[in-house]
Amino acid sequence: MLESLILDVTAQVDRAQDDTNRLISETRDRLQKMATVTKAAKGSESRVRKAKQSAIAKSFMKVAESYQTVQTKYKKEYRKRVERELKIARPDASPQDIERALDARSGGVFAQQMLSSASQQRILTEVKGRHEEILKLESSINELVDLFQEMQLLIDVSFSVLNL
C-alpha cells in the first residue's frame, strides 16, 4: 500500500517536472519568435514591442530561476534522504560507499551487498528509483542552465537593440 502510494507520488512529480520543462521550452521558443518579429518592426511599434519583450523575458527568467532553486533544493533533500536510507540498510557504510552507491557507474557493487533479504531488496528498489530521479533532476538543472544562457543572450540582444 505505502509502496504504491510512493510510486504514485513519484510518478506525479516526474510528470510535473516534465510538464514544467516542456512549458519552459515552449515559452523560450515563443520569446525567440517574438524577438524575430520585433526585429522586423519599425518606429514606435518597435520600441513598444522591445520594452514589452524585455519585461516578459525578465519575468520569465525570474520564474525559471525560482524553478531551478526548487529543483536544486529538492535534489539536495532527496540525496540526504537516500543517504539516510543507505545508512539504515548498511550502518557501517563509509562516505565513499555511499558515493559509490549513488554513482550510476558503480552502484552494482553496493547493490549486491543489499540483496540478502526481501526487505533489503525493497530498499534497494526504492534507492534505485530515487537515484534515477536524482539523475533526472540533474539533467533538468543542466537544461535550465542552458535555458538561462539562451535567455541572457535574448535579453542582451533586446537591450542592445533598444540602445540603437
C-alpha atoms as a PDB file:
ATOM      1  CA  MET A   1       0.000   0.000   0.000  1.00  0.00           C
ATOM      2  CA  LEU A   2       2.663   2.514   1.055  1.00  0.00           C
ATOM      3  CA  GLU A   3       4.939   1.493  -1.811  1.00  0.00           C
ATOM      4  CA  SER A   4       2.078   2.027  -4.263  1.00  0.00           C
ATOM      5  CA  LEU A   5       1.464   5.494  -2.821  1.00  0.00           C
ATOM      6  CA  ILE A   6       5.167   6.341  -3.069  1.00  0.00           C
ATOM      7  CA  LEU A   7       5.258   5.188  -6.687  1.00  0.00           C
ATOM      8  CA  ASP A   8       2.150   7.265  -7.482  1.00  0.00           C
ATOM      9  CA  VAL A   9       3.628  10.387  -5.901  1.00  0.00           C
ATOM     10  CA  THR A  10       6.945   9.804  -7.667  1.00  0.00           C
ATOM     11  CA  ALA A  11       5.129   9.442 -10.990  1.00  0.00           C
ATOM     12  CA  GLN A  12       3.210  12.675 -10.315  1.00  0.00           C
ATOM     13  CA  VAL A  13       6.435  14.521  -9.522  1.00  0.00           C
ATOM     14  CA  ASP A  14       8.024  13.179 -12.713  1.00  0.00           C
ATOM     15  CA  ARG A  15       5.020  14.288 -14.781  1.00  0.00           C
ATOM     16  CA  ALA A  16       5.036  17.727 -13.152  1.00  0.00           C
ATOM     17  CA  GLN A  17       8.741  18.134 -13.895  1.00  0.00           C
ATOM     18  CA  ASP A  18       8.261  17.010 -17.478  1.00  0.00           C
ATOM     19  CA  ASP A  19       5.323  19.408 -17.906  1.00  0.00           C
ATOM     20  CA  THR A  20       7.297  22.284 -16.387  1.00  0.00           C
ATOM     21  CA  ASN A  21      10.318  21.598 -18.580  1.00  0.00           C
ATOM     22  CA  ARG A  22       8.037  21.442 -21.630  1.00  0.00           C
ATOM     23  CA  LEU A  23       6.365  24.744 -20.712  1.00  0.00           C
ATOM     24  CA  ILE A  24       9.721  26.422 -20.146  1.00  0.00           C
ATOM     25  CA  SER A  25      10.921  25.205 -23.525  1.00  0.00           C
ATOM     26  CA  GLU A  26       7.733  26.365 -25.255  1.00  0.00           C
ATOM     27  CA  THR A  27       7.971  29.774 -23.585  1.00  0.00           C
ATOM     28  CA  ARG A  28      11.610  30.135 -24.625  1.00  0.00           C
ATOM     29  CA  ASP A  29      10.648  29.281 -28.218  1.00  0.00           C
ATOM     30  CA  ARG A  30       7.828  31.855 -28.156  1.00  0.00           C
ATOM     31  CA  LEU A  31      10.183  34.516 -26.820  1.00  0.00           C
ATOM     32  CA  GLN A  32      12.632  33.760 -29.614  1.00  0.00           C
ATOM     33  CA  LYS A  33       9.837  34.100 -32.186  1.00  0.00           C
ATOM     34  CA  MET A  34       8.805  37.389 -30.578  1.00  0.00           C
ATOM     35  CA  ALA A  35      12.395  38.623 -30.886  1.00  0.00           C
ATOM     36  CA  THR A  36      12.352  37.825 -34.598  1.00  0.00           C
ATOM     37  CA  VAL A  37       9.087  39.719 -35.129  1.00  0.00           C
ATOM     38  CA  THR A  38      10.349  42.624 -33.026  1.00  0.00           C
ATOM     39  CA  LYS A  39      13.482  42.964 -35.148  1.00  0.00           C
ATOM     40  CA  ALA A  40      11.280  43.433 -38.219  1.00  0.00           C
ATOM     41  CA  ALA A  41       9.069  46.083 -36.542  1.00  0.00           C
ATOM     42  CA  LYS A  42       9.597  49.776 -37.330  1.00  0.00           C
ATOM     43  CA  GLY A  43       9.209  53.053 -35.445  1.00  0.00           C
ATOM     44  CA  SER A  44       7.278  53.387 -32.203  1.00  0.00           C
ATOM     45  CA  GLU A  45       5.821  49.896 -32.559  1.00  0.00           C
ATOM     46  CA  SER A  46       9.374  48.553 -32.444  1.00  0.00           C
ATOM     47  CA  ARG A  47      10.186  50.431 -29.230  1.00  0.00           C
ATOM     48  CA  VAL A  48       6.975  49.310 -27.533  1.00  0.00           C
ATOM     49  CA  ARG A  49       7.488  45.691 -28.580  1.00  0.00           C
ATOM     50  CA  LYS A  50      11.097  45.735 -27.393  1.00  0.00           C
ATOM     51  CA  ALA A  51      10.120  47.135 -23.999  1.00  0.00           C
ATOM     52  CA  LYS A  52       7.351  44.564 -23.545  1.00  0.00           C
ATOM     53  CA  GLN A  53       9.573  41.749 -24.743  1.00  0.00           C
ATOM     54  CA  SER A  54      12.305  42.760 -22.334  1.00  0.00           C
ATOM     55  CA  ALA A  55       9.843  42.820 -19.407  1.00  0.00           C
ATOM     56  CA  ILE A  56       8.456  39.411 -20.371  1.00  0.00           C
ATOM     57  CA  ALA A  57      11.952  37.944 -20.721  1.00  0.00           C
ATOM     58  CA  LYS A  58      12.952  39.259 -17.279  1.00  0.00           C
ATOM     59  CA  SER A  59       9.801  37.862 -15.721  1.00  0.00           C
ATOM     60  CA  PHE A  60      10.382  34.517 -17.402  1.00  0.00           C
ATOM     61  CA  MET A  61      13.956  34.443 -16.131  1.00  0.00           C
ATOM     62  CA  LYS A  62      12.745  35.017 -12.562  1.00  0.00           C
ATOM     63  CA  VAL A  63      10.286  32.145 -12.839  1.00  0.00           C
ATOM     64  CA  ALA A  64      12.885  29.835 -14.373  1.00  0.00           C
ATOM     65  CA  GLU A  65      15.403  30.751 -11.660  1.00  0.00           C
ATOM     66  CA  SER A  66      12.793  30.032  -8.992  1.00  0.00           C
ATOM     67  CA  TYR A  67      12.098  26.653 -10.570  1.00  0.00           C
ATOM     68  CA  GLN A  68      15.813  25.881 -10.659  1.00  0.00           C
ATOM     69  CA  THR A  69      16.149  26.812  -6.979  1.00  0.00           C
ATOM     70  CA  VAL A  70      13.308  24.479  -6.052  1.00  0.00           C
ATOM     71  CA  GLN A  71      14.800  21.659  -8.115  1.00  0.00           C
ATOM     72  CA  THR A  72      18.229  22.132  -6.557  1.00  0.00           C
ATOM     73  CA  LYS A  73      16.767  22.168  -3.041  1.00  0.00           C
ATOM     74  CA  TYR A  74      14.706  19.062  -3.804  1.00  0.00           C
ATOM     75  CA  LYS A  75      17.780  17.280  -5.169  1.00  0.00           C
ATOM     76  CA  LYS A  76      19.790  18.053  -2.031  1.00  0.00           C
ATOM     77  CA  GLU A  77      16.991  16.954   0.297  1.00  0.00           C
ATOM     78  CA  TYR A  78      16.412  13.831  -1.744  1.00  0.00           C
ATOM     79  CA  ARG A  79      20.105  12.980  -1.655  1.00  0.00           C
ATOM     80  CA  LYS A  80      20.106  13.356   2.148  1.00  0.00           C
ATOM     81  CA  ARG A  81      17.142  11.003   2.372  1.00  0.00           C
ATOM     82  CA  VAL A  82      18.816   8.392   0.162  1.00  0.00           C
ATOM     83  CA  GLU A  83      21.973   8.651   2.265  1.00  0.00           C
ATOM     84  CA  ARG A  84      19.941   8.098   5.463  1.00  0.00           C
ATOM     85  CA  GLU A  85      18.250   5.066   3.946  1.00  0.00           C
ATOM     86  CA  LEU A  86      21.572   3.643   2.803  1.00  0.00           C
ATOM     87  CA  LYS A  87      22.917   4.117   6.326  1.00  0.00           C
ATOM     88  CA  ILE A  88      19.910   2.201   7.662  1.00  0.00           C
ATOM     89  CA  ALA A  89      20.424  -0.604   5.162  1.00  0.00           C
ATOM     90  CA  ARG A  90      24.137  -0.752   5.939  1.00  0.00           C
ATOM     91  CA  PRO A  91      25.096   1.118   9.131  1.00  0.00           C
ATOM     92  CA  ASP A  92      28.822   0.576   8.613  1.00  0.00           C
ATOM     93  CA  ALA A  93      28.779   2.234   5.158  1.00  0.00           C
ATOM     94  CA  SER A  94      31.528   4.786   4.732  1.00  0.00           C
ATOM     95  CA  PRO A  95      31.041   8.081   2.883  1.00  0.00           C
ATOM     96  CA  GLN A  96      32.916   6.528  -0.036  1.00  0.00           C
ATOM     97  CA  ASP A  97      30.488   3.585  -0.056  1.00  0.00           C
ATOM     98  CA  ILE A  98      27.574   5.992  -0.158  1.00  0.00           C
ATOM     99  CA  GLU A  99      29.130   7.949  -3.013  1.00  0.00           C
ATOM    100  CA  ARG A 100      29.756   4.733  -4.950  1.00  0.00           C
ATOM    101  CA  ALA A 101      26.165   3.662  -4.345  1.00  0.00           C
ATOM    102  CA  LEU A 102      24.865   6.995  -5.609  1.00  0.00           C
ATOM    103  CA  ASP A 103      27.192   6.939  -8.596  1.00  0.00           C
ATOM    104  CA  ALA A 104      25.381   5.316 -11.521  1.00  0.00           C
ATOM    105  CA  ARG A 105      28.546   3.693 -12.832  1.00  0.00           C
ATOM    106  CA  SER A 106      29.342   1.609  -9.744  1.00  0.00           C
ATOM    107  CA  GLY A 107      26.014   1.252  -7.944  1.00  0.00           C
ATOM    108  CA  GLY A 108      26.013  -2.506  -8.543  1.00  0.00           C
ATOM    109  CA  VAL A 109      28.786  -3.196  -6.018  1.00  0.00           C
ATOM    110  CA  PHE A 110      26.761  -1.784  -3.151  1.00  0.00           C
ATOM    111  CA  ALA A 111      23.544  -3.281  -4.504  1.00  0.00           C
ATOM    112  CA  GLN A 112      24.895  -6.822  -4.325  1.00  0.00           C
ATOM    113  CA  GLN A 113      25.521  -6.428  -0.606  1.00  0.00           C
ATOM    114  CA  MET A 114      21.923  -5.364  -0.037  1.00  0.00           C
ATOM    115  CA  LEU A 115      20.294  -8.359  -1.725  1.00  0.00           C
ATOM    116  CA  SER A 116      20.452 -10.662   1.308  1.00  0.00           C
ATOM    117  CA  SER A 117      16.790 -10.330   2.293  1.00  0.00           C
ATOM    118  CA  ALA A 118      13.414  -9.364   0.872  1.00  0.00           C
ATOM    119  CA  SER A 119      13.248  -6.133   2.878  1.00  0.00           C
ATOM    120  CA  GLN A 120      16.685  -5.171   1.663  1.00  0.00           C
ATOM    121  CA  GLN A 121      15.580  -5.867  -1.905  1.00  0.00           C
ATOM    122  CA  ARG A 122      12.670  -3.474  -1.375  1.00  0.00           C
ATOM    123  CA  ILE A 123      15.073  -0.864  -0.013  1.00  0.00           C
ATOM    124  CA  LEU A 124      17.347  -1.382  -2.985  1.00  0.00           C
ATOM    125  CA  THR A 125      14.459  -0.898  -5.394  1.00  0.00           C
ATOM    126  CA  GLU A 126      13.464   2.333  -3.665  1.00  0.00           C
ATOM    127  CA  VAL A 127      17.053   3.584  -3.611  1.00  0.00           C
ATOM    128  CA  LYS A 128      17.488   2.811  -7.306  1.00  0.00           C
ATOM    129  CA  GLY A 129      14.270   4.654  -8.114  1.00  0.00           C
ATOM    130  CA  ARG A 130      15.359   7.670  -6.134  1.00  0.00           C
ATOM    131  CA  HIS A 131      18.758   7.589  -7.738  1.00  0.00           C
ATOM    132  CA  GLU A 132      17.118   7.691 -11.153  1.00  0.00           C
ATOM    133  CA  GLU A 133      15.061  10.674 -10.001  1.00  0.00           C
ATOM    134  CA  ILE A 134      18.215  12.462  -8.865  1.00  0.00           C
ATOM    135  CA  LEU A 135      19.802  11.850 -12.262  1.00  0.00           C
ATOM    136  CA  LYS A 136      16.676  13.197 -13.942  1.00  0.00           C
ATOM    137  CA  LEU A 137      16.766  16.285 -11.718  1.00  0.00           C
ATOM    138  CA  GLU A 138      20.404  16.807 -12.595  1.00  0.00           C
ATOM    139  CA  SER A 139      19.514  16.641 -16.266  1.00  0.00           C
ATOM    140  CA  SER A 140      16.698  19.145 -15.748  1.00  0.00           C
ATOM    141  CA  ILE A 141      19.031  21.509 -13.941  1.00  0.00           C
ATOM    142  CA  ASN A 142      21.525  21.258 -16.794  1.00  0.00           C
ATOM    143  CA  GLU A 143      18.729  22.068 -19.256  1.00  0.00           C
ATOM    144  CA  LEU A 144      17.815  25.085 -17.147  1.00  0.00           C
ATOM    145  CA  VAL A 145      21.405  26.304 -17.190  1.00  0.00           C
ATOM    146  CA  ASP A 146      21.307  26.153 -20.983  1.00  0.00           C
ATOM    147  CA  LEU A 147      17.959  27.944 -20.941  1.00  0.00           C
ATOM    148  CA  PHE A 148      19.351  30.721 -18.722  1.00  0.00           C
ATOM    149  CA  GLN A 149      22.245  31.206 -21.085  1.00  0.00           C
ATOM    150  CA  GLU A 150      19.904  31.449 -24.067  1.00  0.00           C
ATOM    151  CA  MET A 151      17.595  33.836 -22.214  1.00  0.00           C
ATOM    152  CA  GLN A 152      20.515  36.024 -21.186  1.00  0.00           C
ATOM    153  CA  LEU A 153      21.530  36.191 -24.823  1.00  0.00           C
ATOM    154  CA  LEU A 154      17.978  37.210 -25.792  1.00  0.00           C
ATOM    155  CA  ILE A 155      17.925  39.882 -23.096  1.00  0.00           C
ATOM    156  CA  ASP A 156      21.320  41.179 -24.180  1.00  0.00           C
ATOM    157  CA  VAL A 157      20.135  41.350 -27.791  1.00  0.00           C
ATOM    158  CA  SER A 158      16.929  43.141 -26.728  1.00  0.00           C
ATOM    159  CA  PHE A 159      18.850  45.717 -24.728  1.00  0.00           C
ATOM    160  CA  SER A 160      21.386  46.264 -27.487  1.00  0.00           C
ATOM    161  CA  VAL A 161      18.563  46.813 -29.969  1.00  0.00           C
ATOM    162  CA  LEU A 162      16.872  49.248 -27.558  1.00  0.00           C
ATOM    163  CA  ASN A 163      20.060  51.232 -27.219  1.00  0.00           C
ATOM    164  CA  LEU A 164      20.428  51.647 -31.001  1.00  0.00           C
END
